[in-house]
Protein backbone atom coordinates (compact mmCIF):
# COMPACT_ATOMS: atom_id res chain seq x y z
CA UNK A 1 5.13 41.41 -188.49
CA UNK A 2 4.67 43.54 -185.35
CA UNK A 3 1.18 44.64 -184.34
CA UNK A 4 -0.66 41.58 -185.67
CA UNK A 5 -3.88 40.77 -183.81
CA UNK A 6 -3.27 38.53 -180.79
CA UNK A 7 -5.53 35.54 -180.09
CA UNK A 8 -5.94 35.50 -176.32
CA UNK A 9 -7.90 32.32 -175.60
CA UNK A 10 -4.92 30.24 -174.47
CA UNK A 11 -2.13 30.38 -171.89
CA UNK A 12 0.50 33.09 -171.65
CA UNK A 13 4.16 32.08 -171.58
CA UNK A 14 6.61 34.42 -169.88
CA UNK A 15 10.34 34.69 -170.40
CA UNK A 16 12.18 35.50 -167.18
CA UNK A 17 15.54 37.30 -167.42
CA UNK A 18 15.15 40.74 -168.97
CA UNK A 19 11.37 40.34 -169.21
CA UNK A 20 10.12 39.93 -165.63
CA UNK A 21 13.35 40.76 -163.80
CA UNK A 22 16.38 42.93 -164.55
CA UNK A 23 18.87 40.16 -163.87
CA UNK A 24 21.17 40.55 -166.86
CA UNK A 25 24.00 42.11 -164.82
CA UNK A 26 23.86 39.26 -162.30
CA UNK A 27 24.07 36.68 -165.09
CA UNK A 28 26.99 38.50 -166.72
CA UNK A 29 28.83 38.60 -163.39
CA UNK A 30 28.13 34.89 -162.86
CA UNK A 31 29.68 34.05 -166.24
CA UNK A 32 32.82 36.06 -165.47
CA UNK A 33 33.02 34.38 -162.04
CA UNK A 34 32.67 30.88 -163.49
CA UNK A 35 35.20 31.59 -166.25
CA UNK A 36 37.77 32.78 -163.72
CA UNK A 37 37.29 29.58 -161.75
CA UNK A 38 37.94 27.60 -164.92
CA UNK A 39 41.00 29.44 -166.20
CA UNK A 40 39.44 31.98 -168.54
CA UNK A 41 39.88 35.60 -167.47
CA UNK A 42 37.89 38.32 -169.21
CA UNK A 43 37.97 41.98 -168.23
CA UNK A 44 34.53 42.25 -169.82
CA UNK A 45 32.40 39.66 -171.55
CA UNK A 46 32.67 39.30 -175.32
CA UNK A 47 29.37 39.93 -177.14
CA UNK A 48 26.87 37.15 -176.38
CA UNK A 49 23.37 37.22 -177.87
CA UNK A 50 20.80 37.98 -175.14
CA UNK A 51 18.76 34.95 -174.14
CA UNK A 52 21.52 32.46 -175.00
CA UNK A 53 21.45 29.03 -173.37
CA UNK A 54 24.20 27.78 -171.05
CA UNK A 55 25.75 25.55 -173.72
CA UNK A 56 25.63 28.41 -176.22
CA UNK A 57 27.44 30.77 -173.85
CA UNK A 58 30.07 28.15 -172.99
CA UNK A 59 30.73 27.33 -176.65
CA UNK A 60 31.21 31.02 -177.44
CA UNK A 61 33.58 31.67 -174.54
CA UNK A 62 35.61 28.45 -174.65
CA UNK A 63 35.73 28.10 -178.45
CA UNK A 64 33.79 24.82 -178.59
CA UNK A 65 32.38 24.40 -182.12
CA UNK A 66 28.67 23.92 -182.63
CA UNK A 67 27.90 20.22 -182.81
CA UNK A 68 31.03 19.20 -180.90
CA UNK A 69 30.41 17.48 -177.53
CA UNK A 70 30.67 19.73 -174.51
CA UNK A 71 33.67 18.83 -172.34
CA UNK A 72 33.28 17.43 -168.83
CA UNK A 73 34.28 20.83 -167.45
CA UNK A 74 31.06 22.37 -168.76
CA UNK A 75 28.94 20.88 -165.97
CA UNK A 76 31.22 22.39 -163.29
CA UNK A 77 31.32 25.73 -165.08
CA UNK A 78 27.53 25.83 -165.42
CA UNK A 79 27.04 24.87 -161.78
CA UNK A 80 29.29 27.79 -160.80
CA UNK A 81 27.11 30.23 -162.74
CA UNK A 82 23.96 28.90 -161.08
CA UNK A 83 25.39 29.14 -157.58
CA UNK A 84 26.48 32.73 -158.21
CA UNK A 85 23.12 33.84 -159.63
CA UNK A 86 21.11 32.25 -156.82
CA UNK A 87 23.37 33.92 -154.24
CA UNK A 88 23.12 37.38 -155.83
CA UNK A 89 19.64 37.48 -157.34
CA UNK A 90 18.24 39.40 -154.38
CA UNK A 91 19.88 42.53 -155.84
CA UNK A 92 18.02 42.31 -159.15
CA UNK A 93 15.05 44.61 -159.62
CA UNK A 94 11.66 43.46 -160.94
CA UNK A 95 10.51 44.72 -164.33
CA UNK A 96 7.55 46.46 -162.72
CA UNK A 97 5.17 46.90 -165.71
CA UNK A 98 5.61 43.26 -166.73
CA UNK A 99 5.11 42.05 -163.17
CA UNK A 100 1.89 44.08 -162.95
CA UNK A 101 0.57 42.46 -166.12
CA UNK A 102 1.44 39.01 -164.80
CA UNK A 103 -0.56 39.70 -161.65
CA UNK A 104 -3.44 41.15 -163.66
CA UNK A 105 -3.62 38.07 -165.87
CA UNK A 106 -3.73 35.91 -162.76
CA UNK A 107 -6.69 37.96 -161.50
CA UNK A 108 -8.44 37.35 -164.84
CA UNK A 109 -7.87 33.61 -164.56
CA UNK A 110 -5.50 33.42 -167.52
CA UNK A 111 -3.20 30.36 -167.21
CA UNK A 112 0.48 31.33 -167.24
CA UNK A 113 3.73 29.37 -167.50
CA UNK A 114 7.33 30.50 -167.07
CA UNK A 115 9.47 29.52 -170.09
CA UNK A 116 13.17 30.30 -169.67
CA UNK A 117 16.63 29.17 -170.70
CA UNK A 118 17.70 29.55 -167.05
CA UNK A 119 18.13 26.54 -164.79
CA UNK A 120 15.20 25.37 -162.62
CA UNK A 121 17.04 26.59 -159.49
CA UNK A 122 17.44 30.10 -160.88
CA UNK A 123 13.84 30.20 -162.08
CA UNK A 124 12.48 29.16 -158.68
CA UNK A 125 14.75 31.65 -156.86
CA UNK A 126 13.67 34.49 -159.17
CA UNK A 127 9.98 33.71 -158.84
CA UNK A 128 10.31 33.60 -155.06
CA UNK A 129 12.13 36.96 -155.16
CA UNK A 130 9.35 38.41 -157.33
CA UNK A 131 6.58 36.72 -155.28
CA UNK A 132 5.07 35.39 -158.52
CA UNK A 133 5.40 31.61 -158.23
CA UNK A 134 1.73 31.05 -157.40
CA UNK A 135 0.69 32.69 -160.66
CA UNK A 136 2.37 30.04 -162.85
CA UNK A 137 0.77 26.71 -163.65
CA UNK A 138 4.06 25.26 -164.91
CA UNK A 139 7.73 26.20 -165.01
CA UNK A 140 9.69 25.14 -168.12
CA UNK A 141 13.48 25.37 -168.21
CA UNK A 142 15.75 25.06 -171.23
CA UNK A 143 17.72 22.56 -169.13
CA UNK A 144 14.77 20.16 -169.32
CA UNK A 145 14.65 19.87 -173.12
CA UNK A 146 17.11 18.72 -175.76
CA UNK A 147 17.75 22.26 -177.05
CA UNK A 148 17.16 25.60 -175.40
CA UNK A 149 16.11 28.83 -177.07
CA UNK A 150 16.40 29.83 -179.96
CA UNK A 151 15.13 26.30 -180.69
CA UNK A 152 11.40 25.72 -180.13
CA UNK A 153 11.65 22.75 -177.75
CA UNK A 154 10.91 24.54 -174.49
CA UNK A 155 7.86 26.32 -175.95
CA UNK A 156 6.54 23.11 -177.44
CA UNK A 157 6.86 21.50 -174.02
CA UNK A 158 4.96 24.37 -172.39
CA UNK A 159 2.11 24.12 -174.91
CA UNK A 160 1.94 20.34 -174.44
CA UNK A 161 1.75 20.71 -170.66
CA UNK A 162 -1.30 22.93 -171.12
CA UNK A 163 -2.78 20.63 -173.75
CA UNK A 164 -3.12 23.64 -176.01
CA UNK A 165 -2.18 24.20 -179.65
CA UNK A 166 0.88 26.49 -179.86
CA UNK A 167 -0.93 28.91 -182.21
CA UNK A 168 -3.36 29.81 -179.42
CA UNK A 169 -0.60 30.58 -176.90
CA UNK A 170 1.17 33.91 -176.40
CA UNK A 171 4.81 34.34 -175.38
CA UNK A 172 6.25 37.55 -173.92
CA UNK A 173 9.95 37.86 -174.74
CA UNK A 174 12.71 40.46 -174.71
CA UNK A 175 15.41 38.85 -176.87
CA UNK A 176 15.95 37.72 -180.42
CA UNK A 177 16.65 34.16 -179.25
CA UNK A 178 13.39 34.10 -177.31
CA UNK A 179 11.34 35.52 -180.17
CA UNK A 180 12.91 33.00 -182.56
CA UNK A 181 12.10 30.10 -180.22
CA UNK A 182 8.47 31.12 -179.80
CA UNK A 183 7.97 31.69 -183.52
CA UNK A 184 9.61 28.37 -184.40
CA UNK A 185 7.15 26.67 -182.05
CA UNK A 186 4.21 28.40 -183.72
CA UNK A 187 3.48 30.51 -180.63
CA UNK A 188 2.33 34.13 -180.94
CA UNK A 189 5.02 36.38 -179.53
CA UNK A 190 5.03 39.83 -177.95
CA UNK A 191 8.42 41.57 -177.95
CA UNK A 192 9.01 43.67 -174.83
CA UNK A 193 12.00 45.36 -176.39
CA UNK A 194 13.22 48.56 -178.02
CA UNK A 195 15.53 46.62 -180.37
CA UNK A 196 14.13 47.07 -183.91
CA UNK A 197 15.28 43.60 -184.98
CA UNK A 198 13.55 41.92 -182.03
CA UNK A 199 10.40 43.97 -182.55
CA UNK A 200 10.30 43.27 -186.29
CA UNK A 201 10.21 39.50 -185.84
CA UNK A 202 7.42 39.52 -183.23
CA UNK A 203 3.65 39.58 -183.76
CA UNK A 204 3.25 42.53 -181.38
CA UNK A 205 5.81 44.84 -179.75
CA UNK A 206 5.90 47.24 -176.81
CA UNK A 207 8.47 49.41 -175.05
CA UNK A 208 9.45 47.45 -171.91
CA UNK A 209 9.50 50.60 -169.74
CA UNK A 210 6.29 52.17 -171.04
CA UNK A 211 3.57 51.51 -168.44
CA UNK A 212 0.89 52.77 -170.83
CA UNK A 213 2.01 50.30 -173.50
CA UNK A 214 1.72 47.45 -170.98
CA UNK A 215 -1.73 48.71 -170.01
CA UNK A 216 -2.69 48.65 -173.68
CA UNK A 217 -1.43 45.07 -173.94
CA UNK A 218 -3.59 44.14 -170.95
CA UNK A 219 -6.65 45.29 -172.89
CA UNK A 220 -6.29 42.20 -175.08
CA UNK A 221 -7.46 40.13 -172.10
CA UNK A 222 -9.96 42.51 -170.50
CA UNK A 223 -13.47 41.15 -170.84
CA UNK A 224 -12.18 37.60 -171.37
CA UNK A 225 -14.58 34.97 -170.02
CA UNK A 226 -13.17 33.24 -166.97
């Protein structure tokens, strides 16, 4: 599927963690912190698919079956992760090539929206840290829809906010869950990942650290009418 032609007439939807900012370590530390506060002690985190939603992470760590109601303790646990991330996000580094493309698209007048499984508080804190908030027309959080990524809900909401058909929108994602969510919504997806499985399921793929590859991606929008 990778390397299909991208249709660039619509808005661009950006994932946040791992795509625009290297915040994965902060999120992992927040999960360990919240688990300790709620009686679960892990020396290291068990494998969790990148891009998982809060409920998905909690179910995996606290052995709550899919479809079973989340216990009352989930809200307190999740709040603990948010507080930790917001307090420590200043140490996370921007993903420089992606940030440059975001700024370039803003210069070209391309509408952009942030589409993330993170909470609204984390999204706003990250965008302030990156100095990118003004470039986004909307901010869509997985907390604001019935189901976060890998389900399509948050991408469908983003497309609806722009009044644009999903097929004319482009998502930039780094994880399998994110790619799956965008594809399920009918959104074109660019994988900024070296993972062959993530790249295979996207319409277009680039190395996240290859500045030249990001420059090549930018060429899809160069010459676009404003």
